C-alpha cells in the first residue's frame, strides 16, 4: 500500500484533446526540428531525442483535456448560513414522504399529506428561516429557448469597479466543464451571455462582486416544447404506446387530452375519456406522465391525442397533437382474398377458353380420317 507522501509525488497523467489539435502546426514543427538533425550513434540517445521532438510539438500544437482534480470540492464547499441539523432532518423526512407518495399515488393525484399529518413538505417550510424563504422567492424566473441566446445582466451597483463573479448552482462558471468556451462576459463582466444554449444550461445563476456579499439571482429554466408524430396507426386489439418528447429542462409533468372530433374541439382529459384502460407513466426521457399506454386499442379510440407542457404563469402552454387511426384487425385479409379471387377467375377463363379451342381441332381431324378411308 502506497504511503501518502508517495501518492503526492505520483506524476499526473495528461490526456490530449486530438479533436482540437492543430495538425498542420504539429507537422511543421517536427519537420523544422528534423532539418539538419544528426541522429546519435547510441540507440537509447537517438530514441530519447526523437521522443523529445515529438513531445515538444505535441505540447505546442495539441491542447490537453482539463481534468477535475477535486471532484468533491471538499475545501471549496461553503454551506448556507441558514443551514442547521433541523433542516437536514426535514429534507430526509421529505424524501421519505415523497417515496411513499410515489408508491401510493392515487388516480386523482391527491397528495398523502392529507393522510399523514406530519407531511415533510410542510415541516420543511416551517423549519426554514424566513431569510432563506425570501432568498428563494427573490429569484426571478427566466425562460429561454433551447438553441437560442440568453443573457443575464447584473444590476448590482459597482462604483469601485470590482470584479464580477458569476456562479451556476453555487459553482463558479469558470470551473464548470460544460460551460467552457461557451459563454461570454461583456460590459466589464456585467453581462453573462450564452450564444447557443442547450438543455443542460438550466439552473440557478448568481452574480456577485468580489469581496462583497451582494448577490443577484436568477432561476433559469428552459421553455418546454412538446413533440408528437403527426399521425399514428395501430391495429385493433394491439397495444398502443404514445411518447411525448419534451425539449427544455427541467422537464415538466405533461397533460394528455383526447378528442374524437377532427378539429380537436371538446377535448377532455384522457383518463376521463378512456377510463381505466389508459395508463400514464414516466417516459424513458424522464418526463412525468410522458408515456401513454393502451393494452388493447378499440375502433372507438381513434381521434386526436394531445400532450401539453405548461410553460409558466406568464406563458402559453405548448401543445403537440397526433391523429390516431385504428385499423381493422382483418384489414390486411381483404386485399389478399381479392387477389386470390382474381387469380381464380383468370384461371377459370383460361381453362374454358382452351377447352373450347381444342374441340374444333378434334372435329377437323376426324373428318380428314373419314375422307381418306373412302378414297
Foldseek 3Di string as FASTA:
>chain_A
DDDPVVVVVDDDDWAWDVVQFPVVQLVVQLVVVPVVDDQDPDPVVNVVVSVVSNVVSCPVTIHIDDDDPCVPPPVPDDDDPQDDVQLVVLVVQQVVLVVVCVVPPDPVRDGCCVVPVVHSVVSNVVSRDPVVVVVVVQAAEAEDAAQAKDKDFAPDDDPPLFQKFKDFPPHTLVPDPVCPPQWDAPPRRRMIMGGTHAQVPFGKMWMDGPPDDDIHIYGYWYQKAWEWDAEAEEEFFAKDKTFIDIGIPPAEAKFKWWDADPVCPPIDGPCVVPPPQKDFQQDPVGHGSRMIIGHGDHQVRWGKMKIWGDRDPVDDIHIYIYGYGYHYNCPVVVVVVVVVVVVVVVVVVVVVVVVVVVVVVVVVVVVVVVVVVVD
